Amino acid sequence: MILYQTINKNFRCVSFLVIPVLAVCLMIMTTACKDKSDDVVEEEEIIKITLTTDISSIELRLAGSGKATIYWGDGTNKVIESLTHLPNTFVNNYSASSTRTITIAGENITHFNIAGHRVTSLDVSKNTELVELHCANNFLTNLNLRNNTKLEEFHCAKNQLTSLDVSANVELKDFYCDENLLTGLDVRTNILLRHLFCSDNPLNSLDISENIELVELYCANNQLTNLDVSAHDELRVLKCSGNELESLNVNINIALTDLHCNDNKLTSLDVSSNNDLKELQLNHNKLEVAALNDLFEMLPQAPETPHPYHNIYILGNPGTGGCDKNIALNKRWEVYY
């Protein structure tokens, strides 16, 4: 009896010491596992996107299907159990501004928007399902799109890109790369292009002969001396102001509604085939009186309804003062000079 009491007493003492120790160990293991899941991408997850930024509050948009996880780069993450086909917004606020890398893992990310977030590097090369990418208004100097063969819409305006290879993006339909530092742009393989915005780059040439589906072309404020749009009978909007064009043939562009050619070196322009034309801008060219009068004669008659007048701009041409503006006015075109 005395032996039993002694053993029982010793067991209680050992239990009193061991149980708290085990509890502490369990808490440490649990905390360690939690920290690991917040900071480290799980082995079974597939990295799709990584980016670097120093912004203090980030807001990105994702769409697709299946599970995805955003690792915010501050020891926290956001688990998305199921992406939707429409983009959803995900926000993270940081306690302090510092450069950090954000990683996004997922099964099927098709849309990604990180525009205007001070991004200095962006890697989407592992995201082969990407259909739409918005990364405009950042500090990107290079971007690899060779593996993104399903890309249909791409916005990268207002970055610092000096070159851009889109030769593998054969599904591309909407391409916005204006306000970069591009000295060349090859879109010959992008035969499905419908909207091309490449204004405000130092481009000295632009070959769009293969892009016969083009509906809108914005190539203003470059260094173009020639622009061939003879293969584009569906073109509706052409804005090529601020170049060095001495001639422009738009006879084939019968669907054209808006034509902006300000600040070029045009001495004449034939718009006799452009019966849908509604706005024509020709400020600061080299159009003499005879050339302007001929142009007025070729303007289509504007309908009385729903818009009483179409618009033509001729400020700063040699013939602006002496031309017969009544020719245009009689066709219900408002003349701005």
Protein backbone atom coordinates (compact mmCIF):
# COMPACT_ATOMS: atom_id res chain seq x y z
CA MET A 1 0.00 0.00 0.00
CA ILE A 2 2.84 2.37 0.87
CA LEU A 3 4.61 1.42 -2.42
CA TYR A 4 1.43 2.16 -4.46
CA GLN A 5 1.01 5.57 -2.86
CA THR A 6 4.64 6.40 -3.53
CA ILE A 7 4.37 5.38 -7.21
CA ASN A 8 1.08 7.22 -7.61
CA LYS A 9 2.54 10.35 -6.06
CA ASN A 10 5.59 10.22 -8.35
CA PHE A 11 3.36 9.71 -11.42
CA ARG A 12 1.33 12.79 -10.53
CA CYS A 13 4.56 14.76 -10.18
CA VAL A 14 5.84 13.56 -13.54
CA SER A 15 2.46 14.30 -15.17
CA PHE A 16 2.46 17.74 -13.64
CA LEU A 17 5.80 18.47 -15.32
CA VAL A 18 5.38 16.63 -18.63
CA ILE A 19 1.92 17.81 -19.69
CA PRO A 20 2.78 21.56 -19.69
CA VAL A 21 5.99 20.82 -21.58
CA LEU A 22 4.06 18.87 -24.20
CA ALA A 23 1.54 21.71 -24.49
CA VAL A 24 4.30 24.26 -25.07
CA CYS A 25 5.90 22.06 -27.71
CA LEU A 26 2.56 21.67 -29.46
CA MET A 27 2.05 25.45 -29.52
CA ILE A 28 5.52 26.00 -30.97
CA MET A 29 4.92 23.39 -33.68
CA THR A 30 1.53 24.90 -34.55
CA THR A 31 2.98 28.41 -34.78
CA ALA A 32 5.86 27.20 -36.90
CA CYS A 33 3.46 25.48 -39.30
CA LYS A 34 1.33 28.62 -39.55
CA ASP A 35 4.29 30.85 -40.28
CA LYS A 36 5.49 28.47 -42.95
CA SER A 37 2.11 28.45 -44.71
CA ASP A 38 2.01 32.25 -44.69
CA ASP A 39 5.53 32.82 -45.98
CA VAL A 40 6.31 29.81 -48.15
CA VAL A 41 4.51 28.57 -51.24
CA GLU A 42 3.35 25.00 -50.70
CA GLU A 43 5.16 22.40 -52.80
CA GLU A 44 2.00 21.24 -54.56
CA GLU A 45 1.10 24.80 -55.63
CA ILE A 46 2.12 26.11 -59.03
CA ILE A 47 3.73 29.53 -59.24
CA LYS A 48 1.98 31.62 -61.88
CA ILE A 49 3.00 35.24 -61.32
CA THR A 50 5.67 37.12 -59.38
CA LEU A 51 6.14 40.87 -59.14
CA THR A 52 8.22 43.39 -57.24
CA THR A 53 6.95 46.72 -55.90
CA ASP A 54 7.54 49.17 -53.06
CA ILE A 55 3.97 50.43 -52.80
CA SER A 56 2.37 50.71 -49.34
CA SER A 57 -1.07 49.48 -50.39
CA ILE A 58 -1.70 47.07 -53.22
CA GLU A 59 -4.87 46.26 -55.12
CA LEU A 60 -4.80 43.58 -57.78
CA ARG A 61 -7.49 41.90 -59.85
CA LEU A 62 -7.65 38.22 -60.74
CA ALA A 63 -9.98 36.01 -62.72
CA GLY A 64 -9.93 32.40 -63.84
CA SER A 65 -10.99 29.14 -62.22
CA GLY A 66 -9.88 26.88 -59.40
CA LYS A 67 -7.95 27.73 -56.25
CA ALA A 68 -5.35 30.50 -56.00
CA THR A 69 -3.18 31.94 -53.25
CA ILE A 70 -1.65 35.41 -53.07
CA TYR A 71 1.51 35.63 -50.96
CA TRP A 72 1.73 39.32 -50.11
CA GLY A 73 5.43 39.35 -49.24
CA ASP A 74 4.91 40.44 -45.63
CA GLY A 75 4.29 37.04 -44.04
CA THR A 76 0.58 36.98 -44.85
CA ASN A 77 -1.41 35.41 -47.66
CA LYS A 78 -4.84 35.35 -49.20
CA VAL A 79 -6.35 32.00 -50.11
CA ILE A 80 -8.99 32.14 -52.86
CA GLU A 81 -10.93 28.91 -52.85
CA SER A 82 -12.38 29.43 -56.31
CA LEU A 83 -11.60 32.14 -58.86
CA THR A 84 -14.46 33.44 -61.01
CA HIS A 85 -14.52 34.20 -64.73
CA LEU A 86 -15.05 37.87 -63.92
CA PRO A 87 -12.14 39.70 -62.21
CA ASN A 88 -12.31 40.23 -58.45
CA THR A 89 -10.26 42.74 -56.47
CA PHE A 90 -7.90 41.74 -53.67
CA VAL A 91 -6.31 44.36 -51.40
CA ASN A 92 -3.45 44.33 -48.91
CA ASN A 93 -2.19 47.25 -46.82
CA TYR A 94 1.38 47.14 -45.53
CA SER A 95 2.52 48.57 -42.21
CA ALA A 96 5.54 50.21 -43.89
CA SER A 97 6.75 50.90 -47.42
CA SER A 98 9.59 48.65 -48.58
CA THR A 99 10.50 46.69 -51.67
CA ARG A 100 8.85 43.27 -51.60
CA THR A 101 8.09 40.39 -53.92
CA ILE A 102 4.49 39.23 -54.30
CA THR A 103 3.84 35.71 -55.51
CA ILE A 104 0.61 34.34 -56.91
CA ALA A 105 0.03 30.61 -57.20
CA GLY A 106 -2.98 29.02 -58.80
CA GLU A 107 -4.46 26.41 -61.07
CA ASN A 108 -5.89 28.58 -63.84
CA ILE A 109 -5.35 32.36 -63.78
CA THR A 110 -6.67 33.91 -67.00
CA HIS A 111 -6.91 37.64 -66.11
CA PHE A 112 -4.44 39.72 -64.12
CA ASN A 113 -4.48 43.47 -63.45
CA ILE A 114 -1.70 45.24 -61.55
CA ALA A 115 -1.85 48.62 -63.32
CA GLY A 116 -0.52 51.70 -61.51
CA HIS A 117 1.30 50.00 -58.64
CA ARG A 118 4.96 51.01 -59.00
CA VAL A 119 5.88 47.56 -60.28
CA THR A 120 9.55 47.28 -61.27
CA SER A 121 9.56 43.62 -62.33
CA LEU A 122 6.86 41.24 -63.48
CA ASP A 123 7.16 37.56 -64.40
CA VAL A 124 4.15 35.92 -66.06
CA SER A 125 6.19 33.40 -68.06
CA LYS A 126 4.76 30.43 -66.13
CA ASN A 127 1.17 31.51 -66.59
CA THR A 128 0.40 29.90 -69.93
CA GLU A 129 -3.38 30.28 -69.48
CA LEU A 130 -3.24 34.07 -69.32
CA VAL A 131 -5.76 35.74 -71.65
CA GLU A 132 -5.78 39.33 -70.38
CA LEU A 133 -2.91 41.28 -68.81
CA HIS A 134 -3.04 44.85 -67.47
CA CYS A 135 0.28 46.24 -66.25
CA ALA A 136 0.12 49.85 -67.47
CA ASN A 137 1.48 52.83 -65.56
CA ASN A 138 4.37 51.08 -63.82
CA PHE A 139 8.18 51.11 -64.02
CA LEU A 140 8.74 48.02 -66.17
CA THR A 141 11.84 47.97 -68.39
CA ASN A 142 11.36 44.47 -69.80
CA LEU A 143 8.65 41.82 -70.03
CA ASN A 144 8.74 38.24 -71.30
CA LEU A 145 5.53 37.14 -73.04
CA ARG A 146 6.89 34.26 -75.09
CA ASN A 147 4.97 31.60 -73.13
CA ASN A 148 1.68 33.51 -73.01
CA THR A 149 0.39 32.18 -76.31
CA LYS A 150 -3.28 32.56 -75.31
CA LEU A 151 -3.00 36.28 -74.61
CA GLU A 152 -5.78 38.26 -76.30
CA GLU A 153 -5.68 41.63 -74.52
CA PHE A 154 -2.50 43.32 -73.34
CA HIS A 155 -2.12 46.75 -71.71
CA CYS A 156 1.41 47.94 -70.93
CA ALA A 157 1.18 51.69 -71.62
CA LYS A 158 3.16 54.19 -69.56
CA ASN A 159 6.13 52.03 -68.67
CA GLN A 160 9.81 52.22 -69.64
CA LEU A 161 9.92 49.40 -72.17
CA THR A 162 12.56 49.79 -74.87
CA SER A 163 11.64 46.58 -76.68
CA LEU A 164 8.75 44.16 -76.67
CA ASP A 165 8.48 40.75 -78.34
CA VAL A 166 4.86 39.79 -79.10
CA SER A 167 5.67 37.38 -81.92
CA ALA A 168 4.38 34.38 -79.92
CA ASN A 169 1.11 36.08 -78.98
CA VAL A 170 -0.77 35.09 -82.10
CA GLU A 171 -4.20 35.39 -80.42
CA LEU A 172 -3.65 39.06 -79.55
CA LYS A 173 -6.58 41.30 -80.48
CA ASP A 174 -6.16 44.39 -78.27
CA PHE A 175 -2.66 45.77 -77.78
CA TYR A 176 -1.91 49.00 -75.88
CA CYS A 177 1.77 49.92 -75.62
CA ASP A 178 1.65 53.73 -75.91
CA GLU A 179 3.95 55.99 -73.88
CA ASN A 180 6.95 53.70 -73.68
CA LEU A 181 10.45 53.92 -75.17
CA LEU A 182 9.93 51.50 -78.05
CA THR A 183 12.17 52.09 -81.04
CA GLY A 184 10.71 49.15 -82.95
CA LEU A 185 7.51 47.12 -82.92
CA ASP A 186 6.94 43.91 -84.87
CA VAL A 187 3.27 42.90 -85.07
CA ARG A 188 3.44 40.84 -88.25
CA THR A 189 2.44 37.60 -86.51
CA ASN A 190 -0.47 39.24 -84.68
CA ILE A 191 -2.88 38.87 -87.57
CA LEU A 192 -5.98 39.04 -85.33
CA LEU A 193 -5.19 42.53 -84.03
CA ARG A 194 -8.19 44.86 -84.01
CA HIS A 195 -7.00 47.65 -81.71
CA LEU A 196 -3.39 48.83 -81.75
CA PHE A 197 -2.33 51.77 -79.58
CA CYS A 198 1.37 52.58 -79.94
CA SER A 199 1.40 56.39 -79.71
CA ASP A 200 4.13 58.34 -77.92
CA ASN A 201 7.04 56.05 -78.70
CA PRO A 202 10.13 56.87 -80.80
CA LEU A 203 9.02 54.51 -83.59
CA ASN A 204 10.43 55.39 -87.00
CA SER A 205 8.58 52.64 -88.86
CA LEU A 206 5.46 50.54 -88.41
CA ASP A 207 4.57 47.56 -90.60
CA ILE A 208 0.88 46.67 -90.24
CA SER A 209 0.50 44.98 -93.61
CA GLU A 210 -0.46 41.65 -91.98
CA ASN A 211 -2.95 43.18 -89.52
CA ILE A 212 -5.88 43.38 -91.89
CA GLU A 213 -8.47 43.12 -89.08
CA LEU A 214 -7.48 46.49 -87.60
CA VAL A 215 -10.39 48.70 -86.56
CA GLU A 216 -8.46 51.29 -84.54
CA LEU A 217 -4.88 52.46 -85.00
CA TYR A 218 -3.32 55.05 -82.72
CA CYS A 219 0.27 55.78 -83.70
CA ALA A 220 0.56 59.50 -82.92
CA ASN A 221 3.71 61.25 -81.74
CA ASN A 222 6.25 58.89 -83.19
CA GLN A 223 8.82 59.47 -85.92
CA LEU A 224 7.00 57.83 -88.81
CA THR A 225 7.81 59.01 -92.32
CA ASN A 226 5.56 56.45 -94.00
CA LEU A 227 2.31 54.75 -93.03
CA ASP A 228 0.69 52.16 -95.28
CA VAL A 229 -2.97 51.44 -94.42
CA SER A 230 -3.91 50.12 -97.84
CA ALA A 231 -4.81 46.64 -96.50
CA HIS A 232 -7.27 47.84 -93.89
CA ASP A 233 -10.75 48.29 -95.29
CA GLU A 234 -12.30 47.85 -91.81
CA LEU A 235 -10.29 50.65 -90.23
CA ARG A 236 -12.60 53.15 -88.52
CA VAL A 237 -10.25 55.28 -86.43
CA LEU A 238 -6.78 56.40 -87.49
CA LYS A 239 -4.83 58.82 -85.32
CA CYS A 240 -1.36 59.50 -86.69
CA SER A 241 -0.74 63.09 -85.58
CA GLY A 242 2.73 64.23 -84.60
CA ASN A 243 4.76 62.29 -87.15
CA GLU A 244 6.67 63.23 -90.31
CA LEU A 245 4.23 62.03 -92.94
CA GLU A 246 4.40 63.81 -96.30
CA SER A 247 1.59 61.76 -97.84
CA LEU A 248 -1.21 59.45 -96.70
CA ASN A 249 -3.46 57.25 -98.81
CA VAL A 250 -6.82 56.44 -97.19
CA ASN A 251 -8.75 55.55 -100.35
CA ILE A 252 -9.25 51.93 -99.31
CA ASN A 253 -10.40 52.85 -95.79
CA ILE A 254 -14.08 53.25 -96.63
CA ALA A 255 -15.21 52.61 -93.01
CA LEU A 256 -13.11 55.47 -91.64
CA THR A 257 -15.01 57.82 -89.30
CA ASP A 258 -12.19 59.61 -87.46
CA LEU A 259 -8.92 60.71 -89.02
CA HIS A 260 -6.37 62.77 -87.07
CA CYS A 261 -3.28 63.88 -88.99
CA ASN A 262 -2.23 67.01 -87.11
CA ASP A 263 1.41 68.12 -87.08
CA ASN A 264 2.65 66.29 -90.14
CA LYS A 265 3.94 67.48 -93.54
CA LEU A 266 0.94 66.73 -95.73
CA THR A 267 0.50 68.86 -98.85
CA SER A 268 -2.72 67.15 -99.98
CA LEU A 269 -5.23 64.53 -98.85
CA ASP A 270 -7.80 62.57 -100.84
CA VAL A 271 -10.91 61.67 -98.81
CA SER A 272 -13.24 61.11 -101.75
CA SER A 273 -13.80 57.46 -100.76
CA ASN A 274 -14.39 58.11 -97.06
CA ASN A 275 -18.13 58.64 -97.04
CA ASP A 276 -18.48 57.75 -93.34
CA LEU A 277 -15.97 60.37 -92.23
CA LYS A 278 -17.20 62.52 -89.33
CA GLU A 279 -14.08 64.14 -87.94
CA LEU A 280 -10.95 65.22 -89.79
CA GLN A 281 -8.02 66.93 -88.06
CA LEU A 282 -5.30 68.48 -90.21
CA ASN A 283 -3.86 71.24 -88.04
CA HIS A 284 -0.28 72.32 -88.73
CA ASN A 285 0.41 70.66 -92.04
CA LYS A 286 1.50 72.18 -95.38
CA LEU A 287 -1.87 72.47 -97.07
CA GLU A 288 -2.15 75.44 -99.46
CA VAL A 289 -5.38 77.17 -100.46
CA ALA A 290 -6.01 74.95 -103.49
CA ALA A 291 -5.35 71.77 -101.51
CA LEU A 292 -7.79 72.82 -98.78
CA ASN A 293 -10.50 73.79 -101.28
CA ASP A 294 -10.08 70.45 -103.05
CA LEU A 295 -10.35 68.73 -99.70
CA PHE A 296 -13.57 70.59 -98.86
CA GLU A 297 -15.07 69.51 -102.18
CA MET A 298 -14.36 65.86 -101.37
CA LEU A 299 -15.97 65.93 -97.92
CA PRO A 300 -19.15 63.81 -97.65
CA GLN A 301 -22.41 65.57 -97.05
CA ALA A 302 -23.23 65.51 -93.35
CA PRO A 303 -26.81 64.48 -92.51
CA GLU A 304 -29.14 66.92 -90.80
CA THR A 305 -29.83 64.46 -88.01
CA PRO A 306 -28.83 63.27 -85.48
CA HIS A 307 -25.64 65.33 -85.60
CA PRO A 308 -26.10 68.59 -87.49
CA TYR A 309 -22.42 69.05 -88.31
CA HIS A 310 -19.25 67.08 -88.81
CA ASN A 311 -15.91 68.63 -87.85
CA ILE A 312 -12.77 69.57 -89.75
CA TYR A 313 -9.69 71.24 -88.19
CA ILE A 314 -7.27 73.20 -90.40
CA LEU A 315 -5.41 75.54 -88.02
CA GLY A 316 -1.85 76.45 -88.92
CA ASN A 317 -1.77 75.55 -92.63
CA PRO A 318 -0.42 77.94 -95.30
CA GLY A 319 -3.85 78.08 -96.94
CA THR A 320 -5.96 78.40 -93.79
CA GLY A 321 -6.62 82.11 -94.15
CA GLY A 322 -7.45 82.17 -97.86
CA CYS A 323 -9.39 78.95 -98.40
CA ASP A 324 -13.14 78.91 -99.08
CA LYS A 325 -14.58 77.51 -95.87
CA ASN A 326 -18.13 77.91 -97.19
CA ILE A 327 -17.58 74.83 -99.33
CA ALA A 328 -17.29 72.77 -96.16
CA LEU A 329 -20.00 74.69 -94.33
CA ASN A 330 -22.46 74.05 -97.12
CA LYS A 331 -21.90 70.33 -96.57
CA ARG A 332 -22.70 70.82 -92.87
CA TRP A 333 -19.10 70.56 -91.77
CA GLU A 334 -17.96 72.85 -88.94
CA VAL A 335 -14.56 74.35 -89.78
CA TYR A 336 -12.12 75.00 -86.91
CA TYR A 337 -9.28 77.33 -87.69
